[in-house]
Amino acid sequence: MSNSNPHVDRDLDLSNAGRGVWLVKVPKYIANKWEKAPGDIEVGKLKISKNPGQKVQVSLTLSESVLCLKEPGEETIPRDHRLDVSAVTRQTLGIFSHITPSNSDSVVPETEKLSMEGRIVQKLECRPYADSCYMKLKVESIRKASVPVRQVQQLERVVHNFKPVSDHKHNIEYEEKKKAEGKKARDDKESVLEMLFAAFEKHQYYNIRDLVKITRQPIVYLKEILKEVCNYNLKNPHKNMWELKPEYRHYKDQVPAPASADN
């Protein structure tokens, strides 16, 4: 069985597989600021304090350059945050990078590079201190979330309402035309049989497509009649073609069948 998208083996760079990596989760308002920040500025400073007999303390201080990235009316975000540290012991998590070639027109094409950048050894969750700045930001976010999407608006003048239509005129005309062209009326059975016998006087074998053109009957209705007076060939040389049953055959002259084998 063929696969249109087969798996392709590629080399994986494991030179940094032994490196320990921290997985840090930050609040959404910090992530938004960092996403807007240019790539050449300092976004913050990380401070790690190790006191004997105590747990390691990790804190994050955002830079002024990040704090200044404000939209009009946007609240100030907290500057200082603590990072709660937890070790990864029961999971094996890794960081991988996928670099695609930037210049596909080069004489010697570059290949995609897959690398393992390290193994996650610690998870850190960035949390703000519950100061006045954070509380103000939280209140504002709750207020924005409570604002309804739809609001009542008072109108100062008369608005002419137009009744919506379920469908447009040109769409209706197109659908009616398509139905009229695609729909074929059923003739009575005797008339259809006369057309079929007349056709089989000329050729011994027909495919269903040609018989539909000759009789101009719905294909389902036509097949019902064909099953009564014809045999359907399943083997070569006349595979997928209809032929009159022996008791209905009265050919004048044998004429080669059309070169077609569609059902």
Protein backbone atom coordinates (compact mmCIF):
# COMPACT_ATOMS: atom_id res chain seq x y z
CA MET A 1 0.00 0.00 0.00
CA SER A 2 1.53 3.32 -1.06
CA ASN A 3 1.64 6.39 1.17
CA SER A 4 1.43 9.85 -0.39
CA ASN A 5 3.35 11.38 2.55
CA PRO A 6 5.97 8.81 3.57
CA HIS A 7 8.13 9.26 6.62
CA VAL A 8 11.61 10.52 5.81
CA ASP A 9 14.53 9.68 8.08
CA ARG A 10 16.65 12.67 9.10
CA ASP A 11 19.74 13.09 11.23
CA LEU A 12 19.21 14.46 14.74
CA ASP A 13 21.94 16.60 16.29
CA LEU A 14 22.46 15.33 19.87
CA SER A 15 25.46 17.46 20.76
CA ASN A 16 23.39 19.37 23.39
CA ALA A 17 21.38 16.37 24.63
CA GLY A 18 23.12 16.44 28.01
CA ARG A 19 22.36 20.10 28.67
CA GLY A 20 19.85 20.88 31.44
CA VAL A 21 17.03 23.26 30.52
CA TRP A 22 14.46 25.15 32.60
CA LEU A 23 10.82 25.17 31.54
CA VAL A 24 9.35 28.51 32.66
CA LYS A 25 5.65 29.38 32.65
CA VAL A 26 4.94 33.13 32.69
CA PRO A 27 1.66 35.08 32.99
CA LYS A 28 -0.05 36.06 29.77
CA TYR A 29 0.63 39.78 30.25
CA ILE A 30 4.39 39.09 30.37
CA ALA A 31 4.24 36.84 27.31
CA ASN A 32 2.42 39.59 25.39
CA LYS A 33 5.07 42.15 26.32
CA TRP A 34 7.94 39.86 25.33
CA GLU A 35 6.25 39.09 22.02
CA LYS A 36 6.06 42.83 21.20
CA ALA A 37 9.62 43.55 22.34
CA PRO A 38 12.33 43.99 19.68
CA GLY A 39 14.98 41.30 19.58
CA ASP A 40 17.84 43.62 20.57
CA ILE A 41 16.65 44.82 23.99
CA GLU A 42 16.92 43.41 27.49
CA VAL A 43 13.55 42.06 28.65
CA GLY A 44 14.43 41.29 32.26
CA LYS A 45 16.92 40.00 34.81
CA LEU A 46 16.85 36.68 36.62
CA LYS A 47 18.20 36.51 40.17
CA ILE A 48 19.06 33.21 41.87
CA SER A 49 19.72 33.26 45.63
CA LYS A 50 21.28 30.28 47.37
CA ASN A 51 21.26 30.40 51.15
CA PRO A 52 22.65 27.50 53.21
CA GLY A 53 19.90 25.21 54.47
CA GLN A 54 17.21 27.00 52.48
CA LYS A 55 15.48 26.38 49.20
CA VAL A 56 16.85 28.19 46.18
CA GLN A 57 15.05 31.50 45.61
CA VAL A 58 14.54 32.63 42.03
CA SER A 59 13.11 36.05 41.07
CA LEU A 60 12.46 37.91 37.81
CA THR A 61 12.64 41.68 37.37
CA LEU A 62 11.28 43.06 34.11
CA SER A 63 13.31 45.76 32.38
CA GLU A 64 12.11 49.32 31.89
CA SER A 65 12.17 48.79 28.13
CA VAL A 66 9.49 46.11 28.46
CA LEU A 67 7.40 48.06 30.96
CA CYS A 68 7.30 51.02 28.56
CA LEU A 69 5.68 48.93 25.81
CA LYS A 70 2.16 50.12 26.62
CA GLU A 71 -0.88 50.71 24.46
CA PRO A 72 -3.03 53.80 25.15
CA GLY A 73 -5.21 53.09 28.18
CA GLU A 74 -3.34 49.90 29.07
CA GLU A 75 -2.60 49.26 32.74
CA THR A 76 0.96 49.01 34.10
CA ILE A 77 2.06 45.44 34.74
CA PRO A 78 4.01 44.33 37.85
CA ARG A 79 7.77 44.67 37.68
CA ASP A 80 8.91 42.01 40.17
CA HIS A 81 7.95 38.33 40.18
CA ARG A 82 8.97 35.19 42.01
CA LEU A 83 9.52 31.82 40.35
CA ASP A 84 8.36 28.68 42.11
CA VAL A 85 10.78 25.86 41.31
CA SER A 86 9.88 22.19 41.02
CA ALA A 87 12.16 19.38 39.89
CA VAL A 88 11.23 17.06 37.01
CA THR A 89 11.76 13.52 38.24
CA ARG A 90 9.06 11.24 36.78
CA GLN A 91 9.04 12.61 33.26
CA THR A 92 11.55 12.79 30.44
CA LEU A 93 11.00 16.04 28.58
CA GLY A 94 13.22 17.47 25.89
CA ILE A 95 13.54 20.64 23.85
CA PHE A 96 13.97 20.24 20.10
CA SER A 97 14.63 22.78 17.37
CA HIS A 98 13.72 22.53 13.70
CA ILE A 99 15.59 24.86 11.34
CA THR A 100 14.38 25.00 7.73
CA PRO A 101 16.59 26.24 4.88
CA SER A 102 16.30 29.98 4.28
CA ASN A 103 17.72 30.02 0.75
CA SER A 104 16.08 27.40 -1.45
CA ASP A 105 17.63 28.86 -4.66
CA SER A 106 21.22 28.09 -3.73
CA VAL A 107 23.29 25.82 -5.97
CA VAL A 108 23.84 23.36 -3.12
CA PRO A 109 20.50 23.20 -1.28
CA GLU A 110 20.59 23.33 2.50
CA THR A 111 18.99 20.51 4.43
CA GLU A 112 16.63 20.81 7.36
CA LYS A 113 18.40 20.66 10.71
CA LEU A 114 16.87 18.85 13.66
CA SER A 115 18.56 19.34 17.02
CA MET A 116 17.95 18.41 20.61
CA GLU A 117 18.65 21.55 22.63
CA GLY A 118 18.54 19.93 26.04
CA ARG A 119 16.60 17.99 28.63
CA ILE A 120 14.16 19.71 30.99
CA VAL A 121 15.41 19.31 34.54
CA GLN A 122 13.28 21.93 36.35
CA LYS A 123 9.90 23.59 35.94
CA LEU A 124 9.44 27.17 37.10
CA GLU A 125 6.16 29.05 37.42
CA CYS A 126 6.39 32.83 37.39
CA ARG A 127 4.03 34.47 39.90
CA PRO A 128 3.54 38.19 40.66
CA TYR A 129 3.61 39.58 44.18
CA ALA A 130 0.17 40.59 45.47
CA ASP A 131 0.96 44.31 45.55
CA SER A 132 -1.24 47.26 44.58
CA CYS A 133 -0.03 47.21 40.97
CA TYR A 134 -1.06 43.57 40.47
CA MET A 135 -4.40 44.07 42.23
CA LYS A 136 -5.19 47.02 39.99
CA LEU A 137 -4.30 44.96 36.91
CA LYS A 138 -6.49 42.09 38.12
CA VAL A 139 -9.47 44.36 38.79
CA GLU A 140 -9.15 45.84 35.29
CA SER A 141 -9.00 42.39 33.66
CA ILE A 142 -12.12 41.28 35.58
CA ARG A 143 -13.93 44.46 34.54
CA LYS A 144 -13.09 43.93 30.85
CA ALA A 145 -14.19 40.28 31.05
CA SER A 146 -17.56 41.29 32.53
CA VAL A 147 -18.37 43.76 29.74
CA PRO A 148 -21.02 42.14 27.50
CA VAL A 149 -20.15 41.68 23.86
CA ARG A 150 -23.53 43.05 22.74
CA GLN A 151 -24.85 46.27 24.20
CA VAL A 152 -28.03 48.31 23.84
CA GLN A 153 -27.48 51.44 21.79
CA GLN A 154 -29.86 54.37 21.77
CA LEU A 155 -30.67 55.68 18.29
CA GLU A 156 -31.19 59.37 17.71
CA ARG A 157 -32.88 59.05 14.32
CA VAL A 158 -35.11 56.65 12.45
CA VAL A 159 -33.33 53.71 10.88
CA HIS A 160 -34.92 52.12 7.82
CA ASN A 161 -34.95 48.40 8.40
CA PHE A 162 -34.60 46.06 5.48
CA LYS A 163 -36.04 42.59 5.79
CA PRO A 164 -33.29 40.00 5.28
CA VAL A 165 -33.79 37.41 2.58
CA SER A 166 -33.06 33.73 3.00
CA ASP A 167 -31.32 33.61 -0.36
CA HIS A 168 -30.46 35.98 -3.20
CA LYS A 169 -32.28 35.98 -6.53
CA HIS A 170 -29.31 34.97 -8.65
CA ASN A 171 -28.57 32.02 -6.34
CA ILE A 172 -32.18 30.82 -6.61
CA GLU A 173 -32.15 31.11 -10.41
CA TYR A 174 -28.88 29.19 -10.61
CA GLU A 175 -30.18 26.35 -8.43
CA GLU A 176 -33.42 26.10 -10.43
CA LYS A 177 -31.48 26.00 -13.71
CA LYS A 178 -29.15 23.31 -12.37
CA LYS A 179 -32.09 21.20 -11.22
CA ALA A 180 -33.89 21.61 -14.55
CA GLU A 181 -30.83 20.57 -16.54
CA GLY A 182 -29.90 17.70 -14.28
CA LYS A 183 -33.37 16.27 -13.83
CA LYS A 184 -34.69 13.88 -16.49
CA ALA A 185 -38.36 12.94 -16.66
CA ARG A 186 -39.22 9.25 -16.64
CA ASP A 187 -40.85 7.93 -19.79
CA ASP A 188 -43.14 4.93 -19.63
CA LYS A 189 -41.40 1.58 -19.63
CA GLU A 190 -42.60 0.52 -23.10
CA SER A 191 -41.16 3.67 -24.69
CA VAL A 192 -37.82 3.11 -22.98
CA LEU A 193 -37.74 -0.52 -24.15
CA GLU A 194 -38.41 0.55 -27.74
CA MET A 195 -35.46 2.96 -27.59
CA LEU A 196 -33.23 0.29 -26.08
CA PHE A 197 -34.16 -2.36 -28.67
CA ALA A 198 -33.61 0.15 -31.46
CA ALA A 199 -30.18 0.98 -30.06
CA PHE A 200 -29.19 -2.68 -29.71
CA GLU A 201 -30.18 -3.19 -33.36
CA LYS A 202 -27.17 -1.01 -34.23
CA HIS A 203 -24.64 -2.28 -31.68
CA GLN A 204 -24.47 -5.37 -29.51
CA TYR A 205 -22.75 -3.78 -26.51
CA TYR A 206 -23.26 -0.43 -24.75
CA ASN A 207 -21.98 1.18 -21.59
CA ILE A 208 -24.43 2.86 -19.24
CA ARG A 209 -23.25 6.35 -20.12
CA ASP A 210 -24.17 5.93 -23.79
CA LEU A 211 -27.53 4.41 -22.93
CA VAL A 212 -28.37 7.38 -20.69
CA LYS A 213 -27.62 9.73 -23.60
CA ILE A 214 -29.74 7.69 -25.98
CA THR A 215 -32.79 7.26 -23.74
CA ARG A 216 -32.46 10.49 -21.66
CA GLN A 217 -33.70 8.60 -18.60
CA PRO A 218 -32.58 8.78 -14.98
CA ILE A 219 -29.76 6.30 -14.48
CA VAL A 220 -31.43 4.49 -11.57
CA TYR A 221 -34.67 4.03 -13.53
CA LEU A 222 -32.76 2.95 -16.64
CA LYS A 223 -30.77 0.31 -14.75
CA GLU A 224 -34.00 -1.20 -13.39
CA ILE A 225 -35.22 -1.76 -16.96
CA LEU A 226 -31.83 -2.96 -18.20
CA LYS A 227 -31.70 -5.67 -15.55
CA GLU A 228 -34.90 -7.15 -16.99
CA VAL A 229 -33.81 -7.38 -20.64
CA CYS A 230 -30.00 -7.19 -20.54
CA ASN A 231 -26.98 -8.92 -19.08
CA TYR A 232 -24.12 -6.97 -17.53
CA ASN A 233 -20.70 -8.24 -18.60
CA LEU A 234 -18.10 -8.58 -15.86
CA LYS A 235 -15.35 -10.11 -17.98
CA ASN A 236 -13.28 -8.97 -20.94
CA PRO A 237 -13.42 -8.27 -23.84
CA HIS A 238 -16.72 -6.43 -23.12
CA LYS A 239 -16.29 -5.76 -19.42
CA ASN A 240 -18.66 -3.21 -17.81
CA MET A 241 -20.98 -3.20 -20.83
CA TRP A 242 -24.63 -4.16 -21.28
CA GLU A 243 -25.88 -6.75 -23.80
CA LEU A 244 -29.40 -7.97 -24.57
CA LYS A 245 -30.37 -11.31 -23.08
CA PRO A 246 -30.47 -14.16 -25.67
CA GLU A 247 -34.26 -14.25 -25.77
CA TYR A 248 -34.42 -10.59 -26.82
CA ARG A 249 -31.72 -10.69 -29.48
CA HIS A 250 -32.71 -10.29 -33.13
CA TYR A 251 -29.76 -8.52 -34.73
CA LYS A 252 -29.78 -7.72 -38.41
CA ASP A 253 -26.04 -7.33 -38.88
CA GLN A 254 -23.25 -7.55 -36.33
CA VAL A 255 -21.64 -4.15 -35.88
CA PRO A 256 -18.59 -3.65 -33.64
CA ALA A 257 -19.36 -2.13 -30.27
CA PRO A 258 -18.17 1.37 -29.32
CA ALA A 259 -14.67 1.37 -27.81
CA SER A 260 -15.65 2.27 -24.26
CA ALA A 261 -15.72 0.39 -20.97
CA ASP A 262 -17.23 2.79 -18.45
CA ASN A 263 -20.08 1.85 -16.18
